[in-house]
Amino acid sequence: MSRRPRRNHTASFKAKVALAAIKGEKTLSELAEQFEVHANQITQ
């Protein structure tokens, strides 16, 4: 089993995810799947 290499997210990517979370149009799990990050990363 190979692990995905650690990814560094740009500030623009983080802002895009944060704005999507604030809008509240999708659930955290839907956003996590869309942006391919863990739901805990979105809440942080």
Protein backbone atom coordinates (compact mmCIF):
# COMPACT_ATOMS: atom_id res chain seq x y z
CA MET A 1 0.00 0.00 0.00
CA SER A 2 1.54 3.27 -1.06
CA ARG A 3 0.74 6.50 0.72
CA ARG A 4 -0.04 9.76 -1.01
CA PRO A 5 2.84 12.21 -0.67
CA ARG A 6 2.29 15.06 1.73
CA ARG A 7 0.69 18.01 -0.05
CA ASN A 8 1.26 21.69 0.63
CA HIS A 9 -1.83 23.76 -0.04
CA THR A 10 -1.51 27.26 -1.42
CA ALA A 11 -3.13 30.23 0.24
CA SER A 12 -5.55 30.59 -2.66
CA PHE A 13 -6.66 26.95 -2.30
CA LYS A 14 -7.20 27.41 1.44
CA ALA A 15 -9.23 30.56 0.81
CA LYS A 16 -11.37 28.78 -1.77
CA VAL A 17 -12.12 25.94 0.67
CA ALA A 18 -12.82 28.37 3.52
CA LEU A 19 -15.25 30.43 1.44
CA ALA A 20 -17.09 27.30 0.34
CA ALA A 21 -17.40 26.20 3.98
CA ILE A 22 -18.67 29.60 5.11
CA LYS A 23 -21.34 29.67 2.40
CA GLY A 24 -22.85 26.54 3.93
CA GLU A 25 -24.32 25.27 0.65
CA LYS A 26 -22.69 21.84 1.08
CA THR A 27 -21.93 19.67 4.08
CA LEU A 28 -18.41 19.24 5.39
CA SER A 29 -18.21 15.72 4.03
CA GLU A 30 -19.28 16.91 0.57
CA LEU A 31 -16.67 19.68 0.64
CA ALA A 32 -14.00 17.26 1.84
CA GLU A 33 -14.74 14.94 -1.06
CA GLN A 34 -14.84 17.79 -3.57
CA PHE A 35 -11.51 19.31 -2.51
CA GLU A 36 -9.88 15.94 -1.62
CA VAL A 37 -9.01 16.91 1.94
CA HIS A 38 -10.09 15.51 5.31
CA ALA A 39 -13.14 17.12 6.95
CA ASN A 40 -11.04 17.97 10.02
CA GLN A 41 -8.79 20.13 7.86
CA ILE A 42 -11.79 22.16 6.76
CA THR A 43 -12.99 22.79 10.31
CA GLN A 44 -9.53 23.95 11.36
